[in-house]
Amino acid sequence: MWSSCAARRVVVLMVGMVVGACGASAATPNPTILGSDFAARALAVCNDMVVLKQSQGPFPFPDFNPTRPDPTVLTQLPPILQKTAVRYATWSAAMKALGQPIGGQAAWASLIAAIDRHGDVNRDQIDAAGKGDASRFADDYTKGVETTSALLKAATDAGIPDCAKVDH
């Protein structure tokens, strides 16, 4: 049986290739690093993405194990996972459209890079699923879990840890 944290990661990574946040980040939020107005605008974008994610509904295969993907389910996943790809592309574009913060440029760049990396992993996972490549799909799941931690840390370092909720 999976722990509730592991089950949440499956649903989140499959529906959203998302940041599971079952672990904690050692970073301490610095809400002023980006500037309060910029941080508020970034959080608004992240909140919009949370709403978009929630509107996409639950993952339709609750017993699917991404570390040992069922081949009969795997090839059904690309259209489902495509919703996540759209969300990540939208999130990345909206965050980049905010421009540069008045401070914390390195933290901001790390957050954008983490969002983009998660989107890249998701797109590769869609390709693997479409080709029935269970091994690559499972590897991408592992990469997604790793990028989950990186995204949470980057959001926390940028002073906007609530942005990681997009991936919860």
N, C-alpha and C. Protein backbone atom coordinates (compact mmCIF):
# COMPACT_ATOMS: atom_id res chain seq x y z
N MET A 1 0.85 -1.18 0.00
CA MET A 1 0.00 0.00 0.00
C MET A 1 0.88 1.23 0.00
N TRP A 2 0.49 2.22 -0.71
CA TRP A 2 1.25 3.46 -0.78
C TRP A 2 0.91 4.34 0.40
N SER A 3 1.87 5.12 0.84
CA SER A 3 1.56 6.12 1.85
C SER A 3 0.72 7.21 1.18
N SER A 4 0.04 8.02 1.99
CA SER A 4 -0.76 9.09 1.40
C SER A 4 0.12 10.06 0.62
N CYS A 5 1.35 10.25 1.08
CA CYS A 5 2.28 11.15 0.37
C CYS A 5 2.63 10.56 -1.00
N ALA A 6 2.91 9.27 -1.05
CA ALA A 6 3.25 8.64 -2.33
C ALA A 6 2.06 8.67 -3.28
N ALA A 7 0.88 8.41 -2.76
CA ALA A 7 -0.31 8.45 -3.61
C ALA A 7 -0.54 9.85 -4.15
N ARG A 8 -0.33 10.86 -3.29
CA ARG A 8 -0.50 12.24 -3.75
C ARG A 8 0.50 12.55 -4.85
N ARG A 9 1.72 12.08 -4.74
CA ARG A 9 2.72 12.33 -5.78
C ARG A 9 2.30 11.71 -7.10
N VAL A 10 1.74 10.52 -7.04
CA VAL A 10 1.30 9.87 -8.28
C VAL A 10 0.24 10.73 -8.95
N VAL A 11 -0.77 11.11 -8.20
CA VAL A 11 -1.85 11.90 -8.78
C VAL A 11 -1.31 13.23 -9.28
N VAL A 12 -0.51 13.88 -8.47
CA VAL A 12 0.00 15.20 -8.83
C VAL A 12 0.94 15.11 -10.02
N LEU A 13 1.85 14.16 -10.01
CA LEU A 13 2.79 14.08 -11.12
C LEU A 13 2.10 13.66 -12.40
N MET A 14 1.11 12.84 -12.28
CA MET A 14 0.44 12.37 -13.48
C MET A 14 -0.51 13.43 -14.02
N VAL A 15 -1.24 14.08 -13.15
CA VAL A 15 -2.17 15.09 -13.61
C VAL A 15 -1.43 16.41 -13.80
N GLY A 16 -0.45 16.62 -12.98
CA GLY A 16 0.22 17.89 -13.04
C GLY A 16 1.72 17.84 -13.02
N MET A 17 2.31 16.68 -13.10
CA MET A 17 3.76 16.61 -12.97
C MET A 17 4.16 17.60 -11.89
N VAL A 18 3.56 17.44 -10.78
CA VAL A 18 3.56 18.50 -9.80
C VAL A 18 4.52 18.28 -8.67
N VAL A 19 4.69 19.41 -7.99
CA VAL A 19 5.57 19.41 -6.84
C VAL A 19 4.81 18.80 -5.70
N GLY A 20 5.22 17.61 -5.26
CA GLY A 20 4.51 16.87 -4.23
C GLY A 20 4.52 17.52 -2.87
N ALA A 21 5.56 18.20 -2.52
CA ALA A 21 5.68 18.91 -1.25
C ALA A 21 5.46 18.01 -0.05
N CYS A 22 5.73 16.73 -0.18
CA CYS A 22 5.66 15.85 0.98
C CYS A 22 6.92 16.00 1.82
N GLY A 23 7.97 16.48 1.20
CA GLY A 23 9.18 16.78 1.94
C GLY A 23 9.20 18.25 2.25
N ALA A 24 10.13 18.65 3.06
CA ALA A 24 10.22 20.06 3.42
C ALA A 24 11.48 20.66 2.82
N SER A 25 11.43 21.94 2.60
CA SER A 25 12.60 22.65 2.10
C SER A 25 13.34 23.26 3.27
N ALA A 26 14.66 23.24 3.19
CA ALA A 26 15.46 23.84 4.23
C ALA A 26 15.51 25.35 4.07
N ALA A 27 15.09 25.86 2.95
CA ALA A 27 15.15 27.29 2.69
C ALA A 27 14.10 28.03 3.53
N THR A 28 14.40 29.25 3.85
CA THR A 28 13.48 30.09 4.59
C THR A 28 12.94 31.15 3.65
N PRO A 29 11.61 31.31 3.59
CA PRO A 29 11.05 32.31 2.68
C PRO A 29 11.55 33.71 3.02
N ASN A 30 11.81 34.48 2.00
CA ASN A 30 12.18 35.88 2.15
C ASN A 30 11.18 36.67 1.32
N PRO A 31 10.07 37.10 1.93
CA PRO A 31 9.00 37.72 1.16
C PRO A 31 9.38 39.05 0.51
N THR A 32 10.50 39.62 0.89
CA THR A 32 10.86 40.91 0.31
C THR A 32 11.93 40.80 -0.77
N ILE A 33 12.44 39.62 -1.02
CA ILE A 33 13.56 39.48 -1.96
C ILE A 33 13.21 39.96 -3.37
N LEU A 34 12.00 39.70 -3.82
CA LEU A 34 11.58 40.09 -5.17
C LEU A 34 10.96 41.48 -5.22
N GLY A 35 10.66 42.00 -4.06
CA GLY A 35 9.88 43.24 -3.98
C GLY A 35 8.43 42.84 -3.75
N SER A 36 7.76 43.51 -2.86
CA SER A 36 6.42 43.06 -2.47
C SER A 36 5.40 43.14 -3.62
N ASP A 37 5.46 44.18 -4.45
CA ASP A 37 4.52 44.27 -5.57
C ASP A 37 4.75 43.15 -6.58
N PHE A 38 6.01 42.89 -6.91
CA PHE A 38 6.34 41.85 -7.86
C PHE A 38 5.93 40.49 -7.30
N ALA A 39 6.25 40.25 -6.02
CA ALA A 39 5.89 38.97 -5.39
C ALA A 39 4.38 38.77 -5.42
N ALA A 40 3.62 39.84 -5.17
CA ALA A 40 2.16 39.73 -5.19
C ALA A 40 1.66 39.37 -6.60
N ARG A 41 2.26 39.96 -7.62
CA ARG A 41 1.86 39.64 -8.99
C ARG A 41 2.22 38.19 -9.33
N ALA A 42 3.40 37.75 -8.89
CA ALA A 42 3.81 36.36 -9.14
C ALA A 42 2.87 35.39 -8.43
N LEU A 43 2.52 35.71 -7.19
CA LEU A 43 1.58 34.85 -6.45
C LEU A 43 0.22 34.80 -7.13
N ALA A 44 -0.21 35.92 -7.70
CA ALA A 44 -1.49 35.94 -8.42
C ALA A 44 -1.44 34.98 -9.61
N VAL A 45 -0.32 34.99 -10.33
CA VAL A 45 -0.16 34.04 -11.45
C VAL A 45 -0.22 32.61 -10.93
N CYS A 46 0.50 32.35 -9.85
CA CYS A 46 0.52 30.99 -9.30
C CYS A 46 -0.88 30.58 -8.84
N ASN A 47 -1.61 31.49 -8.22
CA ASN A 47 -2.98 31.18 -7.80
C ASN A 47 -3.87 30.87 -8.99
N ASP A 48 -3.69 31.59 -10.08
CA ASP A 48 -4.45 31.29 -11.31
C ASP A 48 -4.14 29.88 -11.81
N MET A 49 -2.88 29.47 -11.69
CA MET A 49 -2.49 28.14 -12.15
C MET A 49 -3.04 27.05 -11.23
N VAL A 50 -3.16 27.35 -9.95
CA VAL A 50 -3.79 26.39 -9.03
C VAL A 50 -5.25 26.19 -9.43
N VAL A 51 -5.94 27.27 -9.73
CA VAL A 51 -7.34 27.19 -10.17
C VAL A 51 -7.43 26.38 -11.47
N LEU A 52 -6.52 26.63 -12.41
CA LEU A 52 -6.51 25.87 -13.66
C LEU A 52 -6.30 24.39 -13.38
N LYS A 53 -5.34 24.08 -12.53
CA LYS A 53 -5.07 22.68 -12.19
C LYS A 53 -6.31 22.03 -11.59
N GLN A 54 -6.96 22.70 -10.66
CA GLN A 54 -8.14 22.15 -10.02
C GLN A 54 -9.27 21.93 -11.02
N SER A 55 -9.36 22.79 -12.01
CA SER A 55 -10.42 22.66 -13.02
C SER A 55 -10.20 21.45 -13.92
N GLN A 56 -8.99 20.94 -13.95
CA GLN A 56 -8.69 19.79 -14.80
C GLN A 56 -9.17 18.48 -14.20
N GLY A 57 -9.55 18.49 -12.93
CA GLY A 57 -10.12 17.31 -12.30
C GLY A 57 -9.08 16.29 -11.88
N PRO A 58 -9.54 15.23 -11.25
CA PRO A 58 -8.63 14.20 -10.74
C PRO A 58 -8.09 13.31 -11.86
N PHE A 59 -6.98 12.69 -11.56
CA PHE A 59 -6.38 11.73 -12.48
C PHE A 59 -7.32 10.53 -12.60
N PRO A 60 -7.68 10.12 -13.81
CA PRO A 60 -8.71 9.10 -13.98
C PRO A 60 -8.29 7.65 -13.71
N PHE A 61 -7.03 7.43 -13.38
CA PHE A 61 -6.56 6.07 -13.10
C PHE A 61 -5.93 6.06 -11.70
N PRO A 62 -6.75 6.03 -10.65
CA PRO A 62 -6.23 6.18 -9.29
C PRO A 62 -5.27 5.07 -8.85
N ASP A 63 -5.33 3.91 -9.47
CA ASP A 63 -4.45 2.80 -9.08
C ASP A 63 -3.19 2.71 -9.94
N PHE A 64 -3.00 3.65 -10.85
CA PHE A 64 -1.85 3.62 -11.74
C PHE A 64 -0.57 3.87 -10.94
N ASN A 65 0.42 3.02 -11.18
CA ASN A 65 1.72 3.15 -10.51
C ASN A 65 2.74 3.65 -11.54
N PRO A 66 3.18 4.91 -11.45
CA PRO A 66 4.08 5.46 -12.46
C PRO A 66 5.49 4.87 -12.41
N THR A 67 5.83 4.17 -11.34
CA THR A 67 7.15 3.53 -11.29
C THR A 67 7.12 2.15 -11.94
N ARG A 68 5.93 1.62 -12.14
CA ARG A 68 5.72 0.34 -12.83
C ARG A 68 4.46 0.49 -13.68
N PRO A 69 4.54 1.31 -14.72
CA PRO A 69 3.34 1.64 -15.49
C PRO A 69 2.72 0.45 -16.20
N ASP A 70 1.42 0.37 -16.09
CA ASP A 70 0.63 -0.65 -16.77
C ASP A 70 0.57 -0.26 -18.25
N PRO A 71 1.09 -1.09 -19.14
CA PRO A 71 1.10 -0.76 -20.56
C PRO A 71 -0.28 -0.49 -21.14
N THR A 72 -1.32 -1.11 -20.58
CA THR A 72 -2.67 -0.88 -21.11
C THR A 72 -3.18 0.51 -20.75
N VAL A 73 -2.64 1.09 -19.71
CA VAL A 73 -3.03 2.44 -19.31
C VAL A 73 -2.08 3.47 -19.93
N LEU A 74 -0.82 3.11 -20.03
CA LEU A 74 0.22 4.04 -20.45
C LEU A 74 -0.12 4.77 -21.74
N THR A 75 -0.56 4.06 -22.75
CA THR A 75 -0.83 4.70 -24.03
C THR A 75 -2.11 5.55 -24.03
N GLN A 76 -2.90 5.47 -22.95
CA GLN A 76 -4.08 6.31 -22.81
C GLN A 76 -3.75 7.67 -22.15
N LEU A 77 -2.52 7.81 -21.66
CA LEU A 77 -2.16 8.98 -20.86
C LEU A 77 -1.82 10.26 -21.62
N PRO A 78 -1.30 10.21 -22.86
CA PRO A 78 -0.90 11.47 -23.49
C PRO A 78 -1.96 12.58 -23.48
N PRO A 79 -3.22 12.32 -23.84
CA PRO A 79 -4.17 13.44 -23.82
C PRO A 79 -4.44 13.96 -22.40
N ILE A 80 -4.33 13.10 -21.43
CA ILE A 80 -4.54 13.50 -20.04
C ILE A 80 -3.36 14.36 -19.58
N LEU A 81 -2.16 13.89 -19.88
CA LEU A 81 -0.95 14.61 -19.47
C LEU A 81 -0.75 15.89 -20.27
N GLN A 82 -1.35 15.97 -21.43
CA GLN A 82 -1.23 17.19 -22.24
C GLN A 82 -1.81 18.39 -21.51
N LYS A 83 -2.83 18.17 -20.70
CA LYS A 83 -3.39 19.26 -19.90
C LYS A 83 -2.32 19.86 -18.99
N THR A 84 -1.49 18.99 -18.45
CA THR A 84 -0.40 19.44 -17.58
C THR A 84 0.63 20.21 -18.39
N ALA A 85 0.92 19.74 -19.58
CA ALA A 85 1.89 20.43 -20.43
C ALA A 85 1.41 21.84 -20.75
N VAL A 86 0.13 21.97 -21.03
CA VAL A 86 -0.44 23.29 -21.31
C VAL A 86 -0.33 24.17 -20.08
N ARG A 87 -0.63 23.60 -18.91
CA ARG A 87 -0.56 24.38 -17.68
C ARG A 87 0.86 24.87 -17.42
N TYR A 88 1.85 24.01 -17.59
CA TYR A 88 3.24 24.43 -17.37
C TYR A 88 3.67 25.49 -18.37
N ALA A 89 3.29 25.34 -19.61
CA ALA A 89 3.65 26.34 -20.62
C ALA A 89 2.99 27.68 -20.30
N THR A 90 1.73 27.62 -19.89
CA THR A 90 1.01 28.84 -19.52
C THR A 90 1.64 29.49 -18.29
N TRP A 91 1.97 28.68 -17.31
CA TRP A 91 2.58 29.18 -16.07
C TRP A 91 3.92 29.84 -16.37
N SER A 92 4.75 29.16 -17.15
CA SER A 92 6.06 29.71 -17.50
C SER A 92 5.92 31.04 -18.24
N ALA A 93 5.06 31.07 -19.24
CA ALA A 93 4.87 32.29 -20.04
C ALA A 93 4.36 33.44 -19.18
N ALA A 94 3.40 33.15 -18.29
CA ALA A 94 2.84 34.20 -17.44
C ALA A 94 3.87 34.73 -16.44
N MET A 95 4.68 33.84 -15.91
CA MET A 95 5.72 34.28 -14.97
C MET A 95 6.77 35.12 -15.70
N LYS A 96 7.17 34.69 -16.87
CA LYS A 96 8.16 35.44 -17.64
C LYS A 96 7.61 36.80 -18.07
N ALA A 97 6.32 36.86 -18.33
CA ALA A 97 5.69 38.12 -18.74
C ALA A 97 5.72 39.17 -17.63
N LEU A 98 5.94 38.75 -16.41
CA LEU A 98 6.04 39.70 -15.30
C LEU A 98 7.31 40.54 -15.39
N GLY A 99 8.26 40.07 -16.18
CA GLY A 99 9.53 40.78 -16.29
C GLY A 99 10.47 40.39 -15.17
N GLN A 100 11.35 41.31 -14.81
CA GLN A 100 12.34 41.03 -13.78
C GLN A 100 11.98 41.75 -12.48
N PRO A 101 12.20 41.08 -11.36
CA PRO A 101 11.93 41.73 -10.08
C PRO A 101 13.00 42.79 -9.77
N ILE A 102 12.70 43.62 -8.78
CA ILE A 102 13.67 44.66 -8.40
C ILE A 102 14.85 44.08 -7.63
N GLY A 103 14.68 42.91 -7.10
CA GLY A 103 15.75 42.21 -6.38
C GLY A 103 15.54 40.72 -6.52
N GLY A 104 16.51 39.97 -6.07
CA GLY A 104 16.36 38.52 -6.08
C GLY A 104 16.35 37.91 -7.47
N GLN A 105 17.08 38.51 -8.40
CA GLN A 105 17.07 38.00 -9.78
C GLN A 105 17.53 36.55 -9.86
N ALA A 106 18.52 36.17 -9.07
CA ALA A 106 18.99 34.78 -9.11
C ALA A 106 17.90 33.82 -8.61
N ALA A 107 17.22 34.21 -7.55
CA ALA A 107 16.14 33.37 -7.02
C ALA A 107 15.00 33.27 -8.04
N TRP A 108 14.69 34.39 -8.69
CA TRP A 108 13.63 34.41 -9.71
C TRP A 108 14.02 33.51 -10.89
N ALA A 109 15.26 33.65 -11.34
CA ALA A 109 15.74 32.83 -12.46
C ALA A 109 15.69 31.34 -12.10
N SER A 110 16.00 31.00 -10.85
CA SER A 110 15.94 29.60 -10.42
C SER A 110 14.51 29.08 -10.42
N LEU A 111 13.58 29.93 -10.02
CA LEU A 111 12.18 29.52 -10.03
C LEU A 111 11.69 29.29 -11.45
N ILE A 112 11.99 30.21 -12.34
CA ILE A 112 11.58 30.05 -13.74
C ILE A 112 12.21 28.78 -14.33
N ALA A 113 13.49 28.56 -14.04
CA ALA A 113 14.18 27.36 -14.54
C ALA A 113 13.53 26.09 -14.00
N ALA A 114 13.12 26.11 -12.73
CA ALA A 114 12.48 24.93 -12.13
C ALA A 114 11.12 24.66 -12.78
N ILE A 115 10.36 25.72 -13.04
CA ILE A 115 9.07 25.56 -13.72
C ILE A 115 9.30 24.97 -15.12
N ASP A 116 10.27 25.52 -15.84
CA ASP A 116 10.55 25.04 -17.20
C ASP A 116 11.06 23.60 -17.19
N ARG A 117 11.90 23.27 -16.22
CA ARG A 117 12.43 21.89 -16.14
C ARG A 117 11.30 20.91 -15.89
N HIS A 118 10.38 21.28 -15.02
CA HIS A 118 9.24 20.40 -14.74
C HIS A 118 8.40 20.22 -16.00
N GLY A 119 8.21 21.30 -16.75
CA GLY A 119 7.48 21.21 -18.01
C GLY A 119 8.19 20.32 -19.01
N ASP A 120 9.52 20.42 -19.08
CA ASP A 120 10.30 19.56 -19.98
C ASP A 120 10.13 18.09 -19.64
N VAL A 121 10.20 17.78 -18.35
CA VAL A 121 10.05 16.39 -17.90
C VAL A 121 8.65 15.90 -18.27
N ASN A 122 7.65 16.74 -18.07
CA ASN A 122 6.28 16.36 -18.41
C ASN A 122 6.14 16.06 -19.89
N ARG A 123 6.72 16.92 -20.74
CA ARG A 123 6.62 16.68 -22.19
C ARG A 123 7.32 15.37 -22.58
N ASP A 124 8.45 15.08 -21.95
CA ASP A 124 9.13 13.82 -22.26
C ASP A 124 8.29 12.63 -21.78
N GLN A 125 7.62 12.80 -20.65
CA GLN A 125 6.78 11.73 -20.15
C GLN A 125 5.58 11.48 -21.08
N ILE A 126 5.04 12.54 -21.64
CA ILE A 126 3.96 12.38 -22.62
C ILE A 126 4.45 11.57 -23.81
N ASP A 127 5.64 11.91 -24.29
CA ASP A 127 6.21 11.18 -25.42
C ASP A 127 6.44 9.71 -25.07
N ALA A 128 6.99 9.46 -23.89
CA ALA A 128 7.23 8.09 -23.45
C ALA A 128 5.92 7.31 -23.36
N ALA A 129 4.90 7.93 -22.80
CA ALA A 129 3.60 7.26 -22.68
C ALA A 129 3.04 6.93 -24.05
N GLY A 130 3.11 7.89 -24.96
CA GLY A 130 2.58 7.68 -26.31
C GLY A 130 3.27 6.55 -27.05
N LYS A 131 4.55 6.36 -26.75
CA LYS A 131 5.32 5.29 -27.39
C LYS A 131 5.28 3.99 -26.59
N GLY A 132 4.57 4.00 -25.47
CA GLY A 132 4.50 2.80 -24.64
C GLY A 132 5.82 2.46 -23.98
N ASP A 133 6.68 3.44 -23.80
CA ASP A 133 8.01 3.23 -23.21
C ASP A 133 7.92 3.33 -21.69
N ALA A 134 7.61 2.20 -21.06
CA ALA A 134 7.40 2.17 -19.61
C ALA A 134 8.65 2.54 -18.83
N SER A 135 9.80 2.12 -19.31
CA SER A 135 11.05 2.43 -18.61
C SER A 135 11.33 3.94 -18.59
N ARG A 136 11.20 4.58 -19.74
CA ARG A 136 11.44 6.03 -19.80
C ARG A 136 10.37 6.77 -19.02
N PHE A 137 9.13 6.30 -19.08
CA PHE A 137 8.06 6.92 -18.32
C PHE A 137 8.38 6.89 -16.83
N ALA A 138 8.81 5.73 -16.34
CA ALA A 138 9.16 5.59 -14.92
C ALA A 138 10.36 6.47 -14.57
N ASP A 139 11.35 6.54 -15.46
CA ASP A 139 12.50 7.43 -15.24
C ASP A 139 12.05 8.88 -15.16
N ASP A 140 11.13 9.27 -16.03
CA ASP A 140 10.62 10.63 -16.01
C ASP A 140 9.85 10.91 -14.72
N TYR A 141 9.14 9.91 -14.21
CA TYR A 141 8.46 10.08 -12.94
C TYR A 141 9.47 10.41 -11.85
N THR A 142 10.58 9.66 -11.83
CA THR A 142 11.63 9.91 -10.84
C THR A 142 12.21 11.31 -11.01
N LYS A 143 12.44 11.71 -12.24
CA LYS A 143 12.92 13.08 -12.50
C LYS A 143 11.90 14.11 -12.02
N GLY A 144 10.64 13.82 -12.22
CA GLY A 144 9.59 14.72 -11.78
C GLY A 144 9.57 14.90 -10.27
N VAL A 145 9.80 13.81 -9.54
CA VAL A 145 9.88 13.90 -8.09
C VAL A 145 11.07 14.78 -7.69
N GLU A 146 12.18 14.62 -8.40
CA GLU A 146 13.36 15.44 -8.11
C GLU A 146 13.11 16.90 -8.43
N THR A 147 12.43 17.18 -9.53
CA THR A 147 12.15 18.57 -9.88
C THR A 147 11.12 19.18 -8.93
N THR A 148 10.30 18.33 -8.31
CA THR A 148 9.37 18.79 -7.30
C THR A 148 10.12 19.48 -6.17
N SER A 149 11.15 18.83 -5.68
CA SER A 149 11.95 19.42 -4.60
C SER A 149 12.62 20.70 -5.06
N ALA A 150 13.15 20.70 -6.26
CA ALA A 150 13.84 21.89 -6.78
C ALA A 150 12.86 23.05 -6.93
N LEU A 151 11.65 22.77 -7.38
CA LEU A 151 10.67 23.83 -7.56
C LEU A 151 10.24 24.40 -6.21
N LEU A 152 10.01 23.54 -5.23
CA LEU A 152 9.64 24.01 -3.90
C LEU A 152 10.75 24.87 -3.31
N LYS A 153 11.99 24.43 -3.44
CA LYS A 153 13.12 25.20 -2.92
C LYS A 153 13.23 26.54 -3.64
N ALA A 154 13.09 26.53 -4.94
CA ALA A 154 13.19 27.77 -5.71
C ALA A 154 12.08 28.75 -5.33
N ALA A 155 10.87 28.26 -5.17
CA ALA A 155 9.76 29.13 -4.78
C ALA A 155 9.99 29.70 -3.38
N THR A 156 10.50 28.87 -2.50
CA THR A 156 10.79 29.32 -1.14
C THR A 156 11.92 30.34 -1.14
N ASP A 157 12.97 30.06 -1.88
CA ASP A 157 14.10 30.99 -1.97
C ASP A 157 13.68 32.34 -2.55
N ALA A 158 12.69 32.32 -3.45
CA ALA A 158 12.20 33.56 -4.06
C ALA A 158 11.22 34.29 -3.15
N GLY A 159 10.93 33.70 -2.00
CA GLY A 159 10.03 34.34 -1.05
C GLY A 159 8.56 34.11 -1.33
N ILE A 160 8.26 33.20 -2.26
CA ILE A 160 6.86 32.94 -2.63
C ILE A 160 6.60 31.42 -2.61
N PRO A 161 6.78 30.79 -1.43
CA PRO A 161 6.63 29.34 -1.37
C PRO A 161 5.24 28.86 -1.77
N ASP A 162 4.23 29.73 -1.65
CA ASP A 162 2.89 29.32 -2.05
C ASP A 162 2.79 29.02 -3.55
N CYS A 163 3.75 29.47 -4.33
CA CYS A 163 3.75 29.13 -5.76
C CYS A 163 3.91 27.63 -5.97
N ALA A 164 4.50 26.94 -5.00
CA ALA A 164 4.65 25.49 -5.11
C ALA A 164 3.29 24.79 -5.05
N LYS A 165 2.24 25.49 -4.62
CA LYS A 165 0.91 24.90 -4.57
C LYS A 165 0.41 24.52 -5.96
N VAL A 166 0.99 25.11 -6.97
CA VAL A 166 0.60 24.74 -8.34
C VAL A 166 0.86 23.25 -8.55
N ASP A 167 1.84 22.73 -7.82
CA ASP A 167 2.23 21.35 -7.99
C ASP A 167 1.80 20.44 -6.86
N HIS A 168 0.97 20.90 -5.95
CA HIS A 168 0.49 20.04 -4.86
C HIS A 168 -0.69 19.25 -5.33
